[in-house]
Amino acid sequence: MFGLIFVVMYFMMIRPQQKREKALKAYRNSLKKGDEVITRGGIFGKVLDVKDDVVLLEIGSVKVKVELAAVSAANPTKKDKA
C-alpha cells in the first residue's frame, strides 16, 4: 500500500517538478543578446550579454548584472515579430 502511495506521489508531484526545472535550465542556457526576460524579483529587462553564470540586463537606461539563476522566464508581453 505504501509503495502505491509513493508511486502516485512520484507521478503527481515529483516528476512534473523535474520536467519544469529541466525546461527552465534549457531556457536559461539558450539565452542570447536581445532576449527580453523577467527576473525572480519581477524585473523586466533586455539581455545585453551572457557570460558563465552572469547575465548583463538593460533595465530602462540602467545596466545590471544578475546571476543566471535569477532569470525566471521570457517576457510574455513581448510579441514575436515573425
N, C-alpha and C. Protein backbone atom coordinates (compact mmCIF):
# COMPACT_ATOMS: atom_id res chain seq x y z
N MET A 1 0.81 -1.19 0.00
CA MET A 1 0.00 0.00 0.00
C MET A 1 0.87 1.27 0.00
N PHE A 2 1.92 1.26 0.83
CA PHE A 2 2.80 2.43 0.87
C PHE A 2 3.53 2.62 -0.45
N GLY A 3 3.87 1.52 -1.10
CA GLY A 3 4.52 1.59 -2.40
C GLY A 3 3.62 2.25 -3.43
N LEU A 4 2.37 1.95 -3.42
CA LEU A 4 1.41 2.54 -4.35
C LEU A 4 1.28 4.04 -4.10
N ILE A 5 1.25 4.42 -2.84
CA ILE A 5 1.17 5.85 -2.49
C ILE A 5 2.41 6.58 -2.99
N PHE A 6 3.59 5.98 -2.82
CA PHE A 6 4.82 6.60 -3.29
C PHE A 6 4.81 6.76 -4.81
N VAL A 7 4.37 5.75 -5.53
CA VAL A 7 4.32 5.81 -7.00
C VAL A 7 3.38 6.92 -7.45
N VAL A 8 2.23 7.02 -6.83
CA VAL A 8 1.27 8.08 -7.18
C VAL A 8 1.87 9.45 -6.88
N MET A 9 2.50 9.60 -5.74
CA MET A 9 3.13 10.87 -5.38
C MET A 9 4.23 11.23 -6.37
N TYR A 10 4.99 10.25 -6.81
CA TYR A 10 6.06 10.50 -7.77
C TYR A 10 5.49 11.07 -9.07
N PHE A 11 4.47 10.43 -9.61
CA PHE A 11 3.93 10.86 -10.89
C PHE A 11 3.07 12.12 -10.78
N MET A 12 2.56 12.43 -9.61
CA MET A 12 1.73 13.62 -9.44
C MET A 12 2.52 14.86 -9.01
N MET A 13 3.64 14.65 -8.31
CA MET A 13 4.35 15.80 -7.76
C MET A 13 5.81 15.90 -8.19
N ILE A 14 6.55 14.86 -8.02
CA ILE A 14 8.00 14.92 -8.23
C ILE A 14 8.35 15.03 -9.72
N ARG A 15 7.78 14.18 -10.54
CA ARG A 15 8.14 14.16 -11.96
C ARG A 15 7.78 15.47 -12.67
N PRO A 16 6.59 16.06 -12.49
CA PRO A 16 6.30 17.34 -13.15
C PRO A 16 7.26 18.45 -12.73
N GLN A 17 7.66 18.47 -11.45
CA GLN A 17 8.60 19.49 -10.98
C GLN A 17 9.95 19.31 -11.67
N GLN A 18 10.40 18.07 -11.84
CA GLN A 18 11.66 17.82 -12.52
C GLN A 18 11.60 18.27 -13.97
N LYS A 19 10.46 18.07 -14.62
CA LYS A 19 10.29 18.49 -16.01
C LYS A 19 10.36 20.02 -16.12
N ARG A 20 9.70 20.73 -15.19
CA ARG A 20 9.74 22.19 -15.19
C ARG A 20 11.15 22.70 -14.98
N GLU A 21 11.88 22.12 -14.04
CA GLU A 21 13.26 22.53 -13.78
C GLU A 21 14.15 22.29 -14.99
N LYS A 22 13.96 21.17 -15.66
CA LYS A 22 14.76 20.85 -16.84
C LYS A 22 14.48 21.86 -17.96
N ALA A 23 13.22 22.20 -18.17
CA ALA A 23 12.85 23.16 -19.20
C ALA A 23 13.41 24.55 -18.88
N LEU A 24 13.36 24.96 -17.61
CA LEU A 24 13.88 26.26 -17.21
C LEU A 24 15.39 26.32 -17.39
N LYS A 25 16.08 25.24 -17.06
CA LYS A 25 17.53 25.19 -17.24
C LYS A 25 17.90 25.29 -18.72
N ALA A 26 17.16 24.61 -19.58
CA ALA A 26 17.40 24.69 -21.02
C ALA A 26 17.15 26.10 -21.53
N TYR A 27 16.10 26.76 -21.02
CA TYR A 27 15.82 28.14 -21.41
C TYR A 27 16.96 29.07 -21.00
N ARG A 28 17.41 28.93 -19.76
CA ARG A 28 18.50 29.80 -19.29
C ARG A 28 19.77 29.60 -20.11
N ASN A 29 20.06 28.36 -20.48
CA ASN A 29 21.26 28.08 -21.27
C ASN A 29 21.14 28.58 -22.71
N SER A 30 19.92 28.85 -23.17
CA SER A 30 19.74 29.31 -24.55
C SER A 30 19.59 30.83 -24.65
N LEU A 31 19.77 31.54 -23.54
CA LEU A 31 19.64 33.00 -23.57
C LEU A 31 20.70 33.60 -24.49
N LYS A 32 20.29 34.65 -25.21
CA LYS A 32 21.22 35.33 -26.10
C LYS A 32 20.93 36.83 -26.07
N LYS A 33 21.81 37.59 -26.64
CA LYS A 33 21.68 39.04 -26.67
C LYS A 33 20.37 39.42 -27.36
N GLY A 34 19.65 40.35 -26.74
CA GLY A 34 18.40 40.83 -27.30
C GLY A 34 17.15 40.20 -26.73
N ASP A 35 17.28 39.09 -26.02
CA ASP A 35 16.10 38.44 -25.41
C ASP A 35 15.57 39.31 -24.28
N GLU A 36 14.25 39.35 -24.16
CA GLU A 36 13.64 40.07 -23.04
C GLU A 36 13.20 39.05 -22.01
N VAL A 37 13.57 39.30 -20.76
CA VAL A 37 13.34 38.33 -19.69
C VAL A 37 12.73 38.99 -18.46
N ILE A 38 12.29 38.15 -17.54
CA ILE A 38 11.81 38.58 -16.24
C ILE A 38 12.65 37.88 -15.18
N THR A 39 13.11 38.63 -14.19
CA THR A 39 13.88 38.02 -13.11
C THR A 39 12.94 37.49 -12.04
N ARG A 40 13.49 36.74 -11.10
CA ARG A 40 12.68 36.21 -9.99
C ARG A 40 12.05 37.33 -9.17
N GLY A 41 12.69 38.48 -9.15
CA GLY A 41 12.17 39.62 -8.40
C GLY A 41 11.11 40.40 -9.14
N GLY A 42 10.80 39.99 -10.39
CA GLY A 42 9.76 40.66 -11.16
C GLY A 42 10.26 41.81 -12.01
N ILE A 43 11.56 41.91 -12.22
CA ILE A 43 12.13 42.98 -13.01
C ILE A 43 12.21 42.55 -14.46
N PHE A 44 11.68 43.40 -15.35
CA PHE A 44 11.73 43.14 -16.78
C PHE A 44 13.00 43.77 -17.33
N GLY A 45 13.73 43.02 -18.17
CA GLY A 45 14.96 43.55 -18.73
C GLY A 45 15.29 42.91 -20.06
N LYS A 46 16.26 43.51 -20.74
CA LYS A 46 16.72 43.02 -22.04
C LYS A 46 18.15 42.53 -21.87
N VAL A 47 18.43 41.33 -22.37
CA VAL A 47 19.75 40.72 -22.21
C VAL A 47 20.75 41.43 -23.12
N LEU A 48 21.84 41.92 -22.52
CA LEU A 48 22.91 42.53 -23.29
C LEU A 48 24.08 41.59 -23.49
N ASP A 49 24.32 40.71 -22.48
CA ASP A 49 25.46 39.80 -22.56
C ASP A 49 25.25 38.65 -21.57
N VAL A 50 25.75 37.48 -21.93
CA VAL A 50 25.69 36.32 -21.05
C VAL A 50 27.10 35.74 -20.98
N LYS A 51 27.66 35.68 -19.78
CA LYS A 51 28.98 35.09 -19.57
C LYS A 51 28.90 34.18 -18.35
N ASP A 52 29.21 32.92 -18.56
CA ASP A 52 29.19 31.92 -17.49
C ASP A 52 27.86 31.96 -16.75
N ASP A 53 27.87 32.36 -15.48
CA ASP A 53 26.66 32.39 -14.67
C ASP A 53 26.17 33.81 -14.40
N VAL A 54 26.61 34.77 -15.23
CA VAL A 54 26.22 36.17 -15.04
C VAL A 54 25.56 36.69 -16.32
N VAL A 55 24.44 37.39 -16.13
CA VAL A 55 23.72 37.98 -17.25
C VAL A 55 23.72 39.49 -17.06
N LEU A 56 24.06 40.23 -18.11
CA LEU A 56 24.01 41.68 -18.08
C LEU A 56 22.67 42.09 -18.68
N LEU A 57 21.83 42.74 -17.86
CA LEU A 57 20.50 43.16 -18.29
C LEU A 57 20.45 44.67 -18.42
N GLU A 58 19.68 45.13 -19.39
CA GLU A 58 19.40 46.55 -19.52
C GLU A 58 17.97 46.76 -19.04
N ILE A 59 17.84 47.61 -18.03
CA ILE A 59 16.53 47.91 -17.46
C ILE A 59 16.34 49.42 -17.63
N GLY A 60 15.58 49.78 -18.65
CA GLY A 60 15.46 51.20 -19.00
C GLY A 60 16.80 51.65 -19.55
N SER A 61 17.43 52.59 -18.88
CA SER A 61 18.76 53.04 -19.31
C SER A 61 19.85 52.56 -18.36
N VAL A 62 19.50 51.67 -17.44
CA VAL A 62 20.43 51.16 -16.43
C VAL A 62 20.86 49.74 -16.81
N LYS A 63 22.15 49.46 -16.64
CA LYS A 63 22.66 48.11 -16.88
C LYS A 63 22.93 47.44 -15.54
N VAL A 64 22.44 46.19 -15.41
CA VAL A 64 22.53 45.48 -14.14
C VAL A 64 23.05 44.07 -14.40
N LYS A 65 23.99 43.62 -13.56
CA LYS A 65 24.46 42.24 -13.64
C LYS A 65 23.64 41.42 -12.65
N VAL A 66 23.11 40.29 -13.14
CA VAL A 66 22.38 39.37 -12.28
C VAL A 66 22.88 37.96 -12.52
N GLU A 67 22.67 37.13 -11.53
CA GLU A 67 23.05 35.72 -11.67
C GLU A 67 22.08 35.05 -12.64
N LEU A 68 22.60 34.12 -13.43
CA LEU A 68 21.79 33.41 -14.41
C LEU A 68 20.58 32.74 -13.76
N ALA A 69 20.73 32.24 -12.55
CA ALA A 69 19.64 31.58 -11.85
C ALA A 69 18.52 32.54 -11.48
N ALA A 70 18.77 33.85 -11.51
CA ALA A 70 17.75 34.84 -11.18
C ALA A 70 16.77 35.06 -12.33
N VAL A 71 17.13 34.63 -13.53
CA VAL A 71 16.23 34.76 -14.67
C VAL A 71 15.18 33.66 -14.55
N SER A 72 13.90 34.08 -14.54
CA SER A 72 12.86 33.09 -14.31
C SER A 72 12.02 32.78 -15.53
N ALA A 73 11.90 33.72 -16.48
CA ALA A 73 11.03 33.46 -17.63
C ALA A 73 11.29 34.47 -18.73
N ALA A 74 10.78 34.13 -19.91
CA ALA A 74 10.79 35.07 -21.03
C ALA A 74 9.72 36.12 -20.76
N ASN A 75 9.85 37.27 -21.37
CA ASN A 75 8.87 38.32 -21.21
C ASN A 75 7.61 37.97 -22.00
N PRO A 76 6.52 37.62 -21.34
CA PRO A 76 5.32 37.20 -22.06
C PRO A 76 4.59 38.33 -22.75
N THR A 77 4.89 39.59 -22.41
CA THR A 77 4.22 40.71 -23.06
C THR A 77 4.82 41.07 -24.39
N LYS A 78 6.05 40.59 -24.63
CA LYS A 78 6.70 40.87 -25.91
C LYS A 78 6.15 39.91 -26.96
N LYS A 79 5.68 40.47 -28.06
CA LYS A 79 5.13 39.64 -29.14
C LYS A 79 6.17 39.46 -30.22
N ASP A 80 6.28 38.24 -30.72
CA ASP A 80 7.23 37.95 -31.79
C ASP A 80 6.81 38.70 -33.05
N LYS A 81 7.79 39.22 -33.76
CA LYS A 81 7.52 39.97 -34.98
C LYS A 81 7.68 39.10 -36.21
N ALA A 82 7.66 37.79 -36.02
CA ALA A 82 7.85 36.86 -37.14
C ALA A 82 6.60 36.72 -37.97
